[in-house]
PDB file of N, CA and C in Angstrom:
ATOM      1  N   MET A   1       0.851  -1.171   0.000  1.00  0.00           N
ATOM      2  CA  MET A   1       0.000   0.000   0.000  1.00  0.00           C
ATOM      3  C   MET A   1       0.903   1.243   0.000  1.00  0.00           C
ATOM      4  N   THR A   2       0.621   2.139  -0.907  1.00  0.00           N
ATOM      5  CA  THR A   2       1.418   3.356  -0.978  1.00  0.00           C
ATOM      6  C   THR A   2       1.044   4.298   0.163  1.00  0.00           C
ATOM      7  N   PHE A   3       1.922   5.258   0.383  1.00  0.00           N
ATOM      8  CA  PHE A   3       1.663   6.223   1.455  1.00  0.00           C
ATOM      9  C   PHE A   3       0.394   7.018   1.180  1.00  0.00           C
ATOM     10  N   LYS A   4       0.160   7.354  -0.087  1.00  0.00           N
ATOM     11  CA  LYS A   4      -1.026   8.143  -0.433  1.00  0.00           C
ATOM     12  C   LYS A   4      -2.303   7.378  -0.080  1.00  0.00           C
ATOM     13  N   ARG A   5      -2.359   6.111  -0.413  1.00  0.00           N
ATOM     14  CA  ARG A   5      -3.545   5.302  -0.093  1.00  0.00           C
ATOM     15  C   ARG A   5      -3.709   5.151   1.413  1.00  0.00           C
ATOM     16  N   PHE A   6      -2.589   4.956   2.093  1.00  0.00           N
ATOM     17  CA  PHE A   6      -2.634   4.838   3.548  1.00  0.00           C
ATOM     18  C   PHE A   6      -3.157   6.133   4.168  1.00  0.00           C
ATOM     19  N   PHE A   7      -2.685   7.271   3.673  1.00  0.00           N
ATOM     20  CA  PHE A   7      -3.115   8.571   4.175  1.00  0.00           C
ATOM     21  C   PHE A   7      -4.605   8.784   3.930  1.00  0.00           C
ATOM     22  N   VAL A   8      -5.078   8.409   2.748  1.00  0.00           N
ATOM     23  CA  VAL A   8      -6.506   8.526   2.432  1.00  0.00           C
ATOM     24  C   VAL A   8      -7.327   7.651   3.381  1.00  0.00           C
ATOM     25  N   LEU A   9      -6.870   6.448   3.633  1.00  0.00           N
ATOM     26  CA  LEU A   9      -7.580   5.551   4.548  1.00  0.00           C
ATOM     27  C   LEU A   9      -7.652   6.143   5.954  1.00  0.00           C
ATOM     28  N   ILE A  10      -6.555   6.721   6.408  1.00  0.00           N
ATOM     29  CA  ILE A  10      -6.539   7.346   7.733  1.00  0.00           C
ATOM     30  C   ILE A  10      -7.525   8.515   7.784  1.00  0.00           C
ATOM     31  N   LEU A  11      -7.518   9.367   6.751  1.00  0.00           N
ATOM     32  CA  LEU A  11      -8.438  10.505   6.725  1.00  0.00           C
ATOM     33  C   LEU A  11      -9.894  10.053   6.698  1.00  0.00           C
ATOM     34  N   LEU A  12     -10.191   9.027   5.915  1.00  0.00           N
ATOM     35  CA  LEU A  12     -11.559   8.531   5.844  1.00  0.00           C
ATOM     36  C   LEU A  12     -11.992   7.912   7.171  1.00  0.00           C
ATOM     37  N   THR A  13     -11.079   7.211   7.817  1.00  0.00           N
ATOM     38  CA  THR A  13     -11.388   6.619   9.116  1.00  0.00           C
ATOM     39  C   THR A  13     -11.704   7.703  10.142  1.00  0.00           C
ATOM     40  N   VAL A  14     -10.872   8.724  10.179  1.00  0.00           N
ATOM     41  CA  VAL A  14     -11.103   9.829  11.115  1.00  0.00           C
ATOM     42  C   VAL A  14     -12.434  10.512  10.802  1.00  0.00           C
ATOM     43  N   GLY A  15     -12.739  10.678   9.521  1.00  0.00           N
ATOM     44  CA  GLY A  15     -14.004  11.301   9.126  1.00  0.00           C
ATOM     45  C   GLY A  15     -15.207  10.493   9.563  1.00  0.00           C
ATOM     46  N   VAL A  16     -15.155   9.188   9.334  1.00  0.00           N
ATOM     47  CA  VAL A  16     -16.270   8.315   9.731  1.00  0.00           C
ATOM     48  C   VAL A  16     -16.451   8.344  11.248  1.00  0.00           C
ATOM     49  N   LEU A  17     -15.354   8.279  11.985  1.00  0.00           N
ATOM     50  CA  LEU A  17     -15.454   8.307  13.446  1.00  0.00           C
ATOM     51  C   LEU A  17     -15.971   9.651  13.951  1.00  0.00           C
ATOM     52  N   ALA A  18     -15.569  10.731  13.303  1.00  0.00           N
ATOM     53  CA  ALA A  18     -16.039  12.059  13.722  1.00  0.00           C
ATOM     54  C   ALA A  18     -17.541  12.198  13.503  1.00  0.00           C
ATOM     55  N   VAL A  19     -18.018  11.733  12.359  1.00  0.00           N
ATOM     56  CA  VAL A  19     -19.456  11.806  12.076  1.00  0.00           C
ATOM     57  C   VAL A  19     -20.227  10.960  13.081  1.00  0.00           C
ATOM     58  N   TRP A  20     -19.729   9.766  13.387  1.00  0.00           N
ATOM     59  CA  TRP A  20     -20.421   8.921  14.353  1.00  0.00           C
ATOM     60  C   TRP A  20     -20.415   9.555  15.740  1.00  0.00           C
ATOM     61  N   GLN A  21     -19.309  10.176  16.116  1.00  0.00           N
ATOM     62  CA  GLN A  21     -19.242  10.800  17.439  1.00  0.00           C
ATOM     63  C   GLN A  21     -20.258  11.929  17.563  1.00  0.00           C
ATOM     64  N   ILE A  22     -20.411  12.721  16.518  1.00  0.00           N
ATOM     65  CA  ILE A  22     -21.411  13.793  16.532  1.00  0.00           C
ATOM     66  C   ILE A  22     -22.814  13.198  16.635  1.00  0.00           C
ATOM     67  N   LEU A  23     -23.084  12.166  15.824  1.00  0.00           N
ATOM     68  CA  LEU A  23     -24.393  11.510  15.863  1.00  0.00           C
ATOM     69  C   LEU A  23     -24.674  10.922  17.243  1.00  0.00           C
ATOM     70  N   ALA A  24     -23.687  10.246  17.813  1.00  0.00           N
ATOM     71  CA  ALA A  24     -23.872   9.637  19.130  1.00  0.00           C
ATOM     72  C   ALA A  24     -24.127  10.694  20.195  1.00  0.00           C
ATOM     73  N   THR A  25     -23.410  11.798  20.130  1.00  0.00           N
ATOM     74  CA  THR A  25     -23.603  12.871  21.106  1.00  0.00           C
ATOM     75  C   THR A  25     -25.011  13.440  21.021  1.00  0.00           C
ATOM     76  N   VAL A  26     -25.479  13.660  19.806  1.00  0.00           N
ATOM     77  CA  VAL A  26     -26.831  14.194  19.621  1.00  0.00           C
ATOM     78  C   VAL A  26     -27.874  13.204  20.137  1.00  0.00           C
ATOM     79  N   LEU A  27     -27.726  11.940  19.768  1.00  0.00           N
ATOM     80  CA  LEU A  27     -28.696  10.935  20.210  1.00  0.00           C
ATOM     81  C   LEU A  27     -28.707  10.791  21.730  1.00  0.00           C
ATOM     82  N   LEU A  28     -27.523  10.764  22.334  1.00  0.00           N
ATOM     83  CA  LEU A  28     -27.462  10.629  23.790  1.00  0.00           C
ATOM     84  C   LEU A  28     -28.030  11.856  24.494  1.00  0.00           C
ATOM     85  N   SER A  29     -27.878  13.025  23.891  1.00  0.00           N
ATOM     86  CA  SER A  29     -28.417  14.232  24.521  1.00  0.00           C
ATOM     87  C   SER A  29     -29.942  14.232  24.528  1.00  0.00           C
ATOM     88  N   PHE A  30     -30.553  13.472  23.617  1.00  0.00           N
ATOM     89  CA  PHE A  30     -32.009  13.363  23.596  1.00  0.00           C
ATOM     90  C   PHE A  30     -32.508  12.203  24.450  1.00  0.00           C
ATOM     91  N   GLY A  31     -31.606  11.558  25.175  1.00  0.00           N
ATOM     92  CA  GLY A  31     -32.005  10.500  26.092  1.00  0.00           C
ATOM     93  C   GLY A  31     -32.119   9.122  25.456  1.00  0.00           C
ATOM     94  N   THR A  32     -31.519   8.944  24.292  1.00  0.00           N
ATOM     95  CA  THR A  32     -31.539   7.635  23.637  1.00  0.00           C
ATOM     96  C   THR A  32     -30.689   6.655  24.449  1.00  0.00           C
ATOM     97  N   PRO A  33     -31.164   5.432  24.658  1.00  0.00           N
ATOM     98  CA  PRO A  33     -30.363   4.450  25.405  1.00  0.00           C
ATOM     99  C   PRO A  33     -29.028   4.169  24.706  1.00  0.00           C
ATOM    100  N   PHE A  34     -28.000   3.933  25.515  1.00  0.00           N
ATOM    101  CA  PHE A  34     -26.664   3.736  24.947  1.00  0.00           C
ATOM    102  C   PHE A  34     -26.605   2.536  24.011  1.00  0.00           C
ATOM    103  N   TRP A  35     -27.325   1.454  24.335  1.00  0.00           N
ATOM    104  CA  TRP A  35     -27.271   0.264  23.479  1.00  0.00           C
ATOM    105  C   TRP A  35     -27.796   0.586  22.089  1.00  0.00           C
ATOM    106  N   LEU A  36     -28.788   1.474  21.997  1.00  0.00           N
ATOM    107  CA  LEU A  36     -29.329   1.856  20.699  1.00  0.00           C
ATOM    108  C   LEU A  36     -28.341   2.733  19.935  1.00  0.00           C
ATOM    109  N   VAL A  37     -27.673   3.614  20.658  1.00  0.00           N
ATOM    110  CA  VAL A  37     -26.655   4.456  20.028  1.00  0.00           C
ATOM    111  C   VAL A  37     -25.504   3.591  19.516  1.00  0.00           C
ATOM    112  N   SER A  38     -25.136   2.565  20.276  1.00  0.00           N
ATOM    113  CA  SER A  38     -24.020   1.712  19.856  1.00  0.00           C
ATOM    114  C   SER A  38     -24.349   0.952  18.573  1.00  0.00           C
ATOM    115  N   ILE A  39     -25.626   0.650  18.346  1.00  0.00           N
ATOM    116  CA  ILE A  39     -26.023  -0.012  17.098  1.00  0.00           C
ATOM    117  C   ILE A  39     -25.754   0.899  15.900  1.00  0.00           C
ATOM    118  N   THR A  40     -25.856   2.216  16.101  1.00  0.00           N
ATOM    119  CA  THR A  40     -25.611   3.140  14.989  1.00  0.00           C
ATOM    120  C   THR A  40     -24.158   3.111  14.541  1.00  0.00           C
ATOM    121  N   PHE A  41     -23.269   2.520  15.351  1.00  0.00           N
ATOM    122  CA  PHE A  41     -21.864   2.444  14.964  1.00  0.00           C
ATOM    123  C   PHE A  41     -21.614   1.351  13.930  1.00  0.00           C
ATOM    124  N   LEU A  42     -22.533   0.394  13.807  1.00  0.00           N
ATOM    125  CA  LEU A  42     -22.340  -0.694  12.842  1.00  0.00           C
ATOM    126  C   LEU A  42     -22.212  -0.198  11.402  1.00  0.00           C
ATOM    127  N   PRO A  43     -23.060   0.740  10.935  1.00  0.00           N
ATOM    128  CA  PRO A  43     -22.847   1.258   9.580  1.00  0.00           C
ATOM    129  C   PRO A  43     -21.502   1.961   9.424  1.00  0.00           C
ATOM    130  N   ALA A  44     -21.019   2.590  10.490  1.00  0.00           N
ATOM    131  CA  ALA A  44     -19.709   3.241  10.416  1.00  0.00           C
ATOM    132  C   ALA A  44     -18.607   2.206  10.231  1.00  0.00           C
ATOM    133  N   ILE A  45     -18.713   1.087  10.923  1.00  0.00           N
ATOM    134  CA  ILE A  45     -17.732   0.010  10.759  1.00  0.00           C
ATOM    135  C   ILE A  45     -17.804  -0.548   9.346  1.00  0.00           C
ATOM    136  N   THR A  46     -19.003  -0.743   8.836  1.00  0.00           N
ATOM    137  CA  THR A  46     -19.180  -1.244   7.470  1.00  0.00           C
ATOM    138  C   THR A  46     -18.601  -0.268   6.458  1.00  0.00           C
ATOM    139  N   ALA A  47     -18.854   1.017   6.654  1.00  0.00           N
ATOM    140  CA  ALA A  47     -18.316   2.025   5.735  1.00  0.00           C
ATOM    141  C   ALA A  47     -16.794   2.015   5.764  1.00  0.00           C
ATOM    142  N   TRP A  48     -16.210   1.903   6.950  1.00  0.00           N
ATOM    143  CA  TRP A  48     -14.755   1.862   7.053  1.00  0.00           C
ATOM    144  C   TRP A  48     -14.208   0.631   6.335  1.00  0.00           C
ATOM    145  N   TRP A  49     -14.859  -0.500   6.500  1.00  0.00           N
ATOM    146  CA  TRP A  49     -14.411  -1.731   5.856  1.00  0.00           C
ATOM    147  C   TRP A  49     -14.461  -1.590   4.336  1.00  0.00           C
ATOM    148  N   LEU A  50     -15.564  -1.027   3.826  1.00  0.00           N
ATOM    149  CA  LEU A  50     -15.682  -0.834   2.378  1.00  0.00           C
ATOM    150  C   LEU A  50     -14.641   0.151   1.864  1.00  0.00           C
ATOM    151  N   LEU A  51     -14.421   1.231   2.594  1.00  0.00           N
ATOM    152  CA  LEU A  51     -13.406   2.198   2.188  1.00  0.00           C
ATOM    153  C   LEU A  51     -12.019   1.564   2.183  1.00  0.00           C
ATOM    154  N   ALA A  52     -11.744   0.741   3.176  1.00  0.00           N
ATOM    155  CA  ALA A  52     -10.449   0.063   3.233  1.00  0.00           C
ATOM    156  C   ALA A  52     -10.268  -0.860   2.030  1.00  0.00           C
ATOM    157  N   ARG A  53     -11.319  -1.546   1.633  1.00  0.00           N
ATOM    158  CA  ARG A  53     -11.226  -2.424   0.460  1.00  0.00           C
ATOM    159  C   ARG A  53     -10.970  -1.629  -0.807  1.00  0.00           C
ATOM    160  N   VAL A  54     -11.680  -0.492  -0.950  1.00  0.00           N
ATOM    161  CA  VAL A  54     -11.509   0.339  -2.144  1.00  0.00           C
ATOM    162  C   VAL A  54     -10.088   0.883  -2.206  1.00  0.00           C
ATOM    163  N   VAL A  55      -9.595   1.382  -1.073  1.00  0.00           N
ATOM    164  CA  VAL A  55      -8.243   1.939  -1.046  1.00  0.00           C
ATOM    165  C   VAL A  55      -7.222   0.844  -1.330  1.00  0.00           C
ATOM    166  N   ARG A  56      -7.430  -0.335  -0.780  1.00  0.00           N
ATOM    167  CA  ARG A  56      -6.487  -1.432  -0.976  1.00  0.00           C
ATOM    168  C   ARG A  56      -6.442  -1.870  -2.437  1.00  0.00           C
ATOM    169  N   LYS A  57      -7.592  -1.860  -3.110  1.00  0.00           N
ATOM    170  CA  LYS A  57      -7.641  -2.291  -4.507  1.00  0.00           C
ATOM    171  C   LYS A  57      -7.204  -1.187  -5.463  1.00  0.00           C
ATOM    172  N   GLY A  58      -7.053   0.015  -4.955  1.00  0.00           N
ATOM    173  CA  GLY A  58      -6.559   1.096  -5.792  1.00  0.00           C
ATOM    174  C   GLY A  58      -7.624   1.812  -6.581  1.00  0.00           C
ATOM    175  N   GLY A  59      -8.835   1.832  -6.110  1.00  0.00           N
ATOM    176  CA  GLY A  59      -9.862   2.605  -6.800  1.00  0.00           C
ATOM    177  C   GLY A  59     -11.051   1.789  -7.012  1.00  0.00           C
TER     178      GLY A  59
END
């Protein structure tokens, strides 16, 4: 994996985690149970996995 692809993967990972953190904060502030908020992290994990595959394959 080239440095550029690795850097893109890191940026995308940070972006996905930042979006989830904002979503989780908003949901928790409205009194949503933590177990329900934790389920919202599954799409973030899936997105990260798909992004990692795309970066690894080179496009």
